[in-house]
Amino acid sequence: ILDDPDLKDIDPTILKHCHAAAATCILEAGKQKADVSAISTCLEDCKLDKERIEQFCTEYQVFKPILIELVTVVSFSIGRSPRHITDVSWRLDYQIKSNQLHKTYQPSYLVTLNVENSDSGSHPDVSFTCTMEQLQDLVGKLKDAAKSLERATQM
């Protein structure tokens, strides 16, 4: 795409974003087994012109069976749904001495995430240790993710 002479005047970053958006649209359509009318409506909402929508839908119809098969195979190989955190527990550990008998006084947290995979129904635990700074960083990132999700659902 970046070597196409017709696209040489367009910023490469914008081209990459457009390519990613188109690929996402195609994959989601395949996952949902969307029909042409649903795709047309979505693309009209995105302000695409009729000619491009018709061209896209024609190509989609040609490759739809292959796309659905590929999406199905991939979803079975990696699992149909991601794992969900159902609970979290933590414990403060305080290391007083190292194995060389030096006094260290290092606090650390042992965090255990109870995880459930809806496909298999299993409940494996994910455990890790971290320092206070690492735990604060994790909490900050989780808060950022929650805010992003909240903003996305309000659109």
Protein backbone atom coordinates (compact mmCIF):
# COMPACT_ATOMS: atom_id res chain seq x y z
CA ILE A 1 0.00 0.00 0.00
CA LEU A 2 2.76 2.46 0.91
CA ASP A 3 4.46 1.92 -2.48
CA ASP A 4 1.32 2.64 -4.53
CA PRO A 5 2.00 5.75 -6.68
CA ASP A 6 -1.64 6.88 -6.35
CA LEU A 7 -1.21 7.12 -2.57
CA LYS A 8 2.22 8.79 -2.45
CA ASP A 9 0.79 12.17 -1.38
CA ILE A 10 -1.02 10.71 1.65
CA ASP A 11 0.67 10.58 5.05
CA PRO A 12 1.85 6.97 5.71
CA THR A 13 0.43 7.07 9.23
CA ILE A 14 -3.01 7.90 7.89
CA LEU A 15 -2.72 5.07 5.36
CA LYS A 16 -1.83 2.62 8.12
CA HIS A 17 -4.80 3.76 10.21
CA CYS A 18 -7.12 3.42 7.20
CA HIS A 19 -5.78 -0.06 6.47
CA ALA A 20 -6.28 -1.12 10.09
CA ALA A 21 -9.82 0.30 10.11
CA ALA A 22 -10.72 -1.52 6.88
CA ALA A 23 -9.27 -4.80 8.17
CA THR A 24 -11.18 -4.43 11.43
CA CYS A 25 -14.40 -3.71 9.56
CA ILE A 26 -13.96 -6.79 7.37
CA LEU A 27 -13.11 -9.06 10.30
CA GLU A 28 -16.05 -7.83 12.38
CA ALA A 29 -18.39 -8.30 9.43
CA GLY A 30 -17.09 -11.86 9.07
CA LYS A 31 -17.44 -12.59 12.79
CA GLN A 32 -21.02 -11.28 12.80
CA LYS A 33 -21.78 -12.99 9.46
CA ALA A 34 -23.15 -9.62 8.40
CA ASP A 35 -25.26 -9.31 5.30
CA VAL A 36 -24.78 -6.67 2.61
CA SER A 37 -27.58 -4.43 3.91
CA ALA A 38 -26.01 -4.21 7.39
CA ILE A 39 -22.61 -3.42 5.91
CA SER A 40 -24.09 -0.84 3.54
CA THR A 41 -25.85 0.90 6.42
CA CYS A 42 -22.65 0.96 8.47
CA LEU A 43 -20.59 2.34 5.61
CA GLU A 44 -23.25 4.95 4.81
CA ASP A 45 -23.03 6.08 8.44
CA CYS A 46 -19.28 6.49 7.86
CA LYS A 47 -20.09 8.83 4.94
CA LEU A 48 -18.66 6.63 2.18
CA ASP A 49 -20.05 7.30 -1.30
CA LYS A 50 -22.47 4.85 -2.94
CA GLU A 51 -19.99 3.67 -5.58
CA ARG A 52 -17.39 2.61 -3.00
CA ILE A 53 -20.03 0.97 -0.82
CA GLU A 54 -21.27 -1.07 -3.78
CA GLN A 55 -17.72 -2.07 -4.73
CA PHE A 56 -16.93 -3.06 -1.13
CA CYS A 57 -20.14 -5.08 -0.78
CA THR A 58 -19.53 -6.86 -4.09
CA GLU A 59 -16.05 -7.92 -3.00
CA TYR A 60 -17.35 -8.86 0.46
CA GLN A 61 -19.99 -11.14 -1.07
CA VAL A 62 -17.32 -12.90 -3.15
CA PHE A 63 -15.04 -13.57 -0.17
CA LYS A 64 -17.67 -13.89 2.59
CA PRO A 65 -17.67 -17.74 2.75
CA ILE A 66 -13.87 -17.87 2.99
CA LEU A 67 -13.79 -15.03 5.54
CA ILE A 68 -16.39 -16.70 7.77
CA GLU A 69 -14.49 -19.98 7.62
CA LEU A 70 -11.20 -18.29 8.53
CA VAL A 71 -12.75 -16.34 11.40
CA THR A 72 -14.38 -19.51 12.72
CA VAL A 73 -11.12 -21.49 12.59
CA VAL A 74 -9.15 -18.73 14.29
CA SER A 75 -11.76 -18.20 17.01
CA PHE A 76 -11.77 -21.92 17.85
CA SER A 77 -7.99 -22.07 17.95
CA ILE A 78 -7.59 -19.13 20.33
CA GLY A 79 -10.84 -19.52 22.23
CA ARG A 80 -14.18 -17.92 21.66
CA SER A 81 -14.01 -15.43 24.47
CA PRO A 82 -11.30 -13.94 26.65
CA ARG A 83 -10.85 -14.91 30.24
CA HIS A 84 -12.65 -12.80 32.85
CA ILE A 85 -11.34 -11.76 36.25
CA THR A 86 -13.98 -12.79 38.76
CA ASP A 87 -12.18 -11.87 41.97
CA VAL A 88 -8.89 -10.55 43.26
CA SER A 89 -7.10 -11.12 46.54
CA TRP A 90 -3.82 -9.79 47.83
CA ARG A 91 -1.42 -10.25 50.67
CA LEU A 92 1.37 -8.02 51.93
CA ASP A 93 4.62 -9.94 52.33
CA TYR A 94 7.48 -8.38 54.19
CA GLN A 95 10.95 -9.78 53.60
CA ILE A 96 13.11 -9.09 56.63
CA LYS A 97 16.28 -10.95 55.68
CA SER A 98 17.74 -12.28 52.48
CA ASN A 99 19.15 -15.77 52.13
CA GLN A 100 22.59 -14.25 52.82
CA LEU A 101 21.25 -13.08 56.22
CA HIS A 102 21.39 -9.41 55.25
CA LYS A 103 18.52 -7.31 56.56
CA THR A 104 16.44 -6.12 53.61
CA TYR A 105 13.06 -4.89 54.93
CA GLN A 106 11.39 -5.10 51.53
CA PRO A 107 7.60 -5.15 51.36
CA SER A 108 6.00 -6.86 48.37
CA TYR A 109 2.47 -7.77 47.43
CA LEU A 110 1.27 -11.17 46.38
CA VAL A 111 -1.74 -10.62 44.11
CA THR A 112 -4.00 -13.47 43.01
CA LEU A 113 -6.54 -13.00 40.23
CA ASN A 114 -9.34 -15.54 40.08
CA VAL A 115 -9.90 -16.02 36.36
CA GLU A 116 -12.75 -17.75 34.56
CA ASN A 117 -12.81 -18.81 30.93
CA SER A 118 -16.42 -18.99 29.76
CA ASP A 119 -15.56 -21.56 27.06
CA SER A 120 -14.11 -24.17 29.34
CA GLY A 121 -15.68 -23.10 32.62
CA SER A 122 -12.32 -23.59 34.33
CA HIS A 123 -11.18 -21.29 37.08
CA PRO A 124 -7.37 -20.99 36.97
CA ASP A 125 -5.72 -18.50 39.29
CA VAL A 126 -3.12 -16.02 38.09
CA SER A 127 -0.66 -14.99 40.80
CA PHE A 128 2.19 -12.51 40.77
CA THR A 129 4.29 -10.50 43.18
CA CYS A 130 5.04 -6.83 42.85
CA THR A 131 6.39 -3.85 44.73
CA MET A 132 4.21 -1.02 45.94
CA GLU A 133 5.26 1.12 42.96
CA GLN A 134 4.41 -1.64 40.50
CA LEU A 135 1.03 -2.18 42.16
CA GLN A 136 0.29 1.56 42.03
CA ASP A 137 1.25 1.57 38.34
CA LEU A 138 -1.09 -1.38 37.70
CA VAL A 139 -3.95 0.32 39.53
CA GLY A 140 -3.36 3.51 37.53
CA LYS A 141 -3.43 1.61 34.24
CA LEU A 142 -6.62 -0.20 35.25
CA LYS A 143 -8.25 3.13 36.09
CA ASP A 144 -7.18 4.50 32.69
CA ALA A 145 -8.63 1.44 30.98
CA ALA A 146 -11.91 1.82 32.87
CA LYS A 147 -12.13 5.50 31.87
CA SER A 148 -11.43 4.62 28.22
CA LEU A 149 -14.12 1.96 28.28
CA GLU A 150 -16.56 4.39 29.87
CA ARG A 151 -15.84 7.00 27.18
CA ALA A 152 -16.20 4.39 24.43
CA THR A 153 -19.61 3.25 25.69
CA GLN A 154 -20.87 6.84 25.83
CA MET A 155 -20.26 7.39 22.09
